[in-house]
Amino acid sequence: MENYRGLLQTDGAAALDAIGRDDGRVTPLGCWSHGRRYFVKAVDAGERDAEPYLRAINRLFRLERLARRFQLPPRNRQRLRQNYSQL
């Protein structure tokens, strides 16, 4: 990883937080599955403010399932995401 430049998606493990961030080589990306858990917990605990965010994340997951189901090429997946991922 010492020479890597680009995007790095992780599960949020603290050990990975520092990779390439100090010198700007790496742009960190989060994981929706891991982030979604916190919204599920919040909704389950009665936090109504979390509900629209959980619905939005669920909509993103449905879009991705559709894209896989219909084997959309990358360009079409990008269009699908851009057109239907707005809050």
N, C-alpha and C. Protein backbone atom coordinates (compact mmCIF):
# COMPACT_ATOMS: atom_id res chain seq x y z
N MET A 1 0.81 -1.21 0.00
CA MET A 1 0.00 0.00 0.00
C MET A 1 0.85 1.27 0.00
N GLU A 2 2.13 1.14 0.24
CA GLU A 2 2.91 2.36 0.41
C GLU A 2 2.98 3.21 -0.86
N ASN A 3 2.81 2.63 -2.03
CA ASN A 3 2.85 3.39 -3.28
C ASN A 3 1.47 3.59 -3.90
N TYR A 4 0.44 3.11 -3.26
CA TYR A 4 -0.90 3.19 -3.83
C TYR A 4 -1.42 4.63 -3.80
N ARG A 5 -2.09 5.01 -4.88
CA ARG A 5 -2.77 6.31 -4.98
C ARG A 5 -4.16 6.03 -5.53
N GLY A 6 -5.17 6.61 -4.92
CA GLY A 6 -6.52 6.44 -5.45
C GLY A 6 -7.55 6.26 -4.35
N LEU A 7 -8.59 5.55 -4.70
CA LEU A 7 -9.71 5.34 -3.79
C LEU A 7 -9.48 4.10 -2.94
N LEU A 8 -9.91 4.16 -1.68
CA LEU A 8 -9.78 3.01 -0.79
C LEU A 8 -11.06 2.86 0.02
N GLN A 9 -11.80 1.80 -0.26
CA GLN A 9 -13.02 1.54 0.49
C GLN A 9 -12.71 0.54 1.59
N THR A 10 -13.10 0.90 2.81
CA THR A 10 -12.87 0.02 3.95
C THR A 10 -14.16 -0.12 4.75
N ASP A 11 -14.10 -0.96 5.75
CA ASP A 11 -15.25 -1.15 6.63
C ASP A 11 -15.19 -0.23 7.84
N GLY A 12 -14.28 0.71 7.84
CA GLY A 12 -14.17 1.65 8.94
C GLY A 12 -13.25 1.20 10.05
N ALA A 13 -12.51 0.12 9.85
CA ALA A 13 -11.58 -0.36 10.87
C ALA A 13 -10.55 0.72 11.16
N ALA A 14 -10.33 1.00 12.43
CA ALA A 14 -9.43 2.08 12.84
C ALA A 14 -8.01 1.88 12.30
N ALA A 15 -7.59 0.64 12.17
CA ALA A 15 -6.23 0.37 11.68
C ALA A 15 -6.03 0.87 10.26
N LEU A 16 -7.10 1.05 9.50
CA LEU A 16 -6.99 1.49 8.11
C LEU A 16 -7.17 2.99 7.94
N ASP A 17 -7.53 3.68 9.01
CA ASP A 17 -7.83 5.10 8.92
C ASP A 17 -6.69 5.97 8.41
N ALA A 18 -5.47 5.64 8.76
CA ALA A 18 -4.34 6.52 8.45
C ALA A 18 -3.71 6.27 7.09
N ILE A 19 -4.11 5.21 6.39
CA ILE A 19 -3.45 4.87 5.13
C ILE A 19 -3.59 5.99 4.11
N GLY A 20 -2.48 6.61 3.78
CA GLY A 20 -2.41 7.60 2.73
C GLY A 20 -3.15 8.90 2.98
N ARG A 21 -3.73 9.10 4.13
CA ARG A 21 -4.49 10.32 4.36
C ARG A 21 -3.61 11.53 4.62
N ASP A 22 -2.50 11.32 5.27
CA ASP A 22 -1.63 12.45 5.62
C ASP A 22 -1.08 13.16 4.40
N ASP A 23 -0.77 12.41 3.36
CA ASP A 23 -0.18 13.02 2.18
C ASP A 23 -1.16 13.13 1.02
N GLY A 24 -2.42 12.77 1.25
CA GLY A 24 -3.44 12.92 0.23
C GLY A 24 -3.40 11.90 -0.90
N ARG A 25 -2.64 10.83 -0.73
CA ARG A 25 -2.55 9.82 -1.79
C ARG A 25 -3.85 9.04 -1.93
N VAL A 26 -4.56 8.88 -0.82
CA VAL A 26 -5.73 8.01 -0.80
C VAL A 26 -6.97 8.82 -0.45
N THR A 27 -8.04 8.55 -1.19
CA THR A 27 -9.35 9.12 -0.87
C THR A 27 -10.16 8.01 -0.20
N PRO A 28 -10.49 8.20 1.08
CA PRO A 28 -11.21 7.14 1.78
C PRO A 28 -12.68 7.09 1.37
N LEU A 29 -13.20 5.88 1.24
CA LEU A 29 -14.61 5.66 0.94
C LEU A 29 -15.20 4.78 2.05
N GLY A 30 -16.38 5.11 2.49
CA GLY A 30 -17.03 4.30 3.51
C GLY A 30 -17.83 3.17 2.89
N CYS A 31 -18.36 2.35 3.74
CA CYS A 31 -19.15 1.19 3.32
C CYS A 31 -20.60 1.43 3.75
N TRP A 32 -21.51 1.43 2.80
CA TRP A 32 -22.92 1.67 3.11
C TRP A 32 -23.51 0.61 4.03
N SER A 33 -23.09 -0.62 3.87
CA SER A 33 -23.62 -1.68 4.74
C SER A 33 -23.27 -1.43 6.19
N HIS A 34 -22.04 -1.03 6.43
CA HIS A 34 -21.62 -0.75 7.80
C HIS A 34 -22.29 0.52 8.32
N GLY A 35 -22.36 1.55 7.50
CA GLY A 35 -23.01 2.78 7.93
C GLY A 35 -24.50 2.61 8.18
N ARG A 36 -25.15 1.77 7.38
CA ARG A 36 -26.59 1.54 7.49
C ARG A 36 -26.96 0.98 8.86
N ARG A 37 -26.09 0.18 9.43
CA ARG A 37 -26.37 -0.43 10.74
C ARG A 37 -26.75 0.60 11.80
N TYR A 38 -26.04 1.72 11.78
CA TYR A 38 -26.29 2.75 12.79
C TYR A 38 -27.68 3.38 12.61
N PHE A 39 -28.11 3.51 11.38
CA PHE A 39 -29.44 4.04 11.14
C PHE A 39 -30.52 3.04 11.53
N VAL A 40 -30.27 1.76 11.28
CA VAL A 40 -31.22 0.73 11.70
C VAL A 40 -31.35 0.76 13.22
N LYS A 41 -30.23 0.82 13.91
CA LYS A 41 -30.27 0.88 15.38
C LYS A 41 -31.02 2.11 15.87
N ALA A 42 -30.78 3.24 15.22
CA ALA A 42 -31.45 4.48 15.62
C ALA A 42 -32.95 4.37 15.43
N VAL A 43 -33.38 3.85 14.29
CA VAL A 43 -34.82 3.68 14.02
C VAL A 43 -35.42 2.71 15.02
N ASP A 44 -34.73 1.61 15.28
CA ASP A 44 -35.22 0.62 16.25
C ASP A 44 -35.34 1.22 17.65
N ALA A 45 -34.50 2.22 17.95
CA ALA A 45 -34.54 2.88 19.25
C ALA A 45 -35.56 4.01 19.30
N GLY A 46 -36.28 4.19 18.18
CA GLY A 46 -37.33 5.21 18.16
C GLY A 46 -36.91 6.57 17.65
N GLU A 47 -35.72 6.67 17.10
CA GLU A 47 -35.23 7.95 16.56
C GLU A 47 -35.87 8.20 15.20
N ARG A 48 -36.95 8.92 15.18
CA ARG A 48 -37.70 9.13 13.94
C ARG A 48 -36.91 9.95 12.91
N ASP A 49 -36.00 10.79 13.37
CA ASP A 49 -35.20 11.59 12.44
C ASP A 49 -34.31 10.72 11.55
N ALA A 50 -34.03 9.50 11.97
CA ALA A 50 -33.17 8.60 11.20
C ALA A 50 -33.95 7.90 10.08
N GLU A 51 -35.26 7.89 10.15
CA GLU A 51 -36.07 7.14 9.18
C GLU A 51 -35.86 7.55 7.73
N PRO A 52 -35.88 8.85 7.39
CA PRO A 52 -35.69 9.20 5.97
C PRO A 52 -34.31 8.80 5.44
N TYR A 53 -33.32 8.83 6.31
CA TYR A 53 -31.98 8.43 5.88
C TYR A 53 -31.92 6.93 5.63
N LEU A 54 -32.56 6.16 6.50
CA LEU A 54 -32.59 4.71 6.30
C LEU A 54 -33.36 4.37 5.02
N ARG A 55 -34.45 5.07 4.76
CA ARG A 55 -35.19 4.84 3.50
C ARG A 55 -34.32 5.15 2.29
N ALA A 56 -33.56 6.23 2.38
CA ALA A 56 -32.68 6.61 1.26
C ALA A 56 -31.59 5.55 1.03
N ILE A 57 -31.01 5.05 2.10
CA ILE A 57 -29.99 4.01 1.98
C ILE A 57 -30.61 2.75 1.40
N ASN A 58 -31.79 2.39 1.87
CA ASN A 58 -32.48 1.20 1.34
C ASN A 58 -32.78 1.35 -0.15
N ARG A 59 -33.12 2.58 -0.56
CA ARG A 59 -33.37 2.83 -1.99
C ARG A 59 -32.09 2.62 -2.80
N LEU A 60 -30.95 3.06 -2.26
CA LEU A 60 -29.68 2.83 -2.94
C LEU A 60 -29.40 1.34 -3.08
N PHE A 61 -29.68 0.58 -2.03
CA PHE A 61 -29.46 -0.86 -2.07
C PHE A 61 -30.36 -1.51 -3.13
N ARG A 62 -31.62 -1.05 -3.23
CA ARG A 62 -32.52 -1.60 -4.26
C ARG A 62 -32.00 -1.30 -5.65
N LEU A 63 -31.50 -0.09 -5.86
CA LEU A 63 -30.93 0.27 -7.16
C LEU A 63 -29.77 -0.64 -7.52
N GLU A 64 -28.92 -0.91 -6.57
CA GLU A 64 -27.77 -1.77 -6.83
C GLU A 64 -28.22 -3.20 -7.14
N ARG A 65 -29.24 -3.69 -6.44
CA ARG A 65 -29.75 -5.03 -6.74
C ARG A 65 -30.31 -5.09 -8.15
N LEU A 66 -31.04 -4.05 -8.56
CA LEU A 66 -31.57 -3.99 -9.92
C LEU A 66 -30.45 -3.97 -10.95
N ALA A 67 -29.43 -3.18 -10.69
CA ALA A 67 -28.31 -3.08 -11.62
C ALA A 67 -27.63 -4.44 -11.80
N ARG A 68 -27.46 -5.16 -10.69
CA ARG A 68 -26.86 -6.50 -10.79
C ARG A 68 -27.79 -7.47 -11.50
N ARG A 69 -29.08 -7.41 -11.13
CA ARG A 69 -30.05 -8.33 -11.72
C ARG A 69 -30.09 -8.21 -13.24
N PHE A 70 -30.06 -6.98 -13.73
CA PHE A 70 -30.13 -6.76 -15.17
C PHE A 70 -28.75 -6.61 -15.81
N GLN A 71 -27.72 -6.88 -15.04
CA GLN A 71 -26.34 -6.86 -15.52
C GLN A 71 -26.02 -5.60 -16.31
N LEU A 72 -26.38 -4.47 -15.73
CA LEU A 72 -26.13 -3.19 -16.40
C LEU A 72 -24.63 -2.93 -16.51
N PRO A 73 -24.21 -2.41 -17.65
CA PRO A 73 -22.79 -2.04 -17.79
C PRO A 73 -22.50 -0.81 -16.91
N PRO A 74 -21.23 -0.57 -16.61
CA PRO A 74 -20.86 0.53 -15.70
C PRO A 74 -21.48 1.88 -16.06
N ARG A 75 -21.52 2.22 -17.33
CA ARG A 75 -22.08 3.53 -17.72
C ARG A 75 -23.56 3.65 -17.35
N ASN A 76 -24.31 2.57 -17.56
CA ASN A 76 -25.74 2.58 -17.21
C ASN A 76 -25.94 2.57 -15.70
N ARG A 77 -25.07 1.88 -14.98
CA ARG A 77 -25.15 1.89 -13.51
C ARG A 77 -24.94 3.31 -12.99
N GLN A 78 -23.98 4.00 -13.59
CA GLN A 78 -23.70 5.37 -13.17
C GLN A 78 -24.93 6.26 -13.42
N ARG A 79 -25.55 6.11 -14.58
CA ARG A 79 -26.75 6.90 -14.88
C ARG A 79 -27.88 6.59 -13.90
N LEU A 80 -28.07 5.31 -13.62
CA LEU A 80 -29.10 4.88 -12.67
C LEU A 80 -28.85 5.53 -11.31
N ARG A 81 -27.63 5.47 -10.86
CA ARG A 81 -27.28 6.07 -9.55
C ARG A 81 -27.51 7.57 -9.56
N GLN A 82 -27.07 8.24 -10.62
CA GLN A 82 -27.21 9.70 -10.67
C GLN A 82 -28.68 10.12 -10.73
N ASN A 83 -29.50 9.36 -11.46
CA ASN A 83 -30.90 9.74 -11.63
C ASN A 83 -31.79 9.42 -10.44
N TYR A 84 -31.43 8.38 -9.69
CA TYR A 84 -32.35 7.92 -8.65
C TYR A 84 -31.78 7.89 -7.24
N SER A 85 -30.62 8.47 -7.03
CA SER A 85 -30.04 8.40 -5.69
C SER A 85 -30.19 9.71 -4.90
N GLN A 86 -31.00 10.61 -5.37
CA GLN A 86 -31.19 11.89 -4.68
C GLN A 86 -32.13 11.71 -3.49
N LEU A 87 -31.87 12.46 -2.43
CA LEU A 87 -32.77 12.43 -1.26
C LEU A 87 -34.09 13.09 -1.56
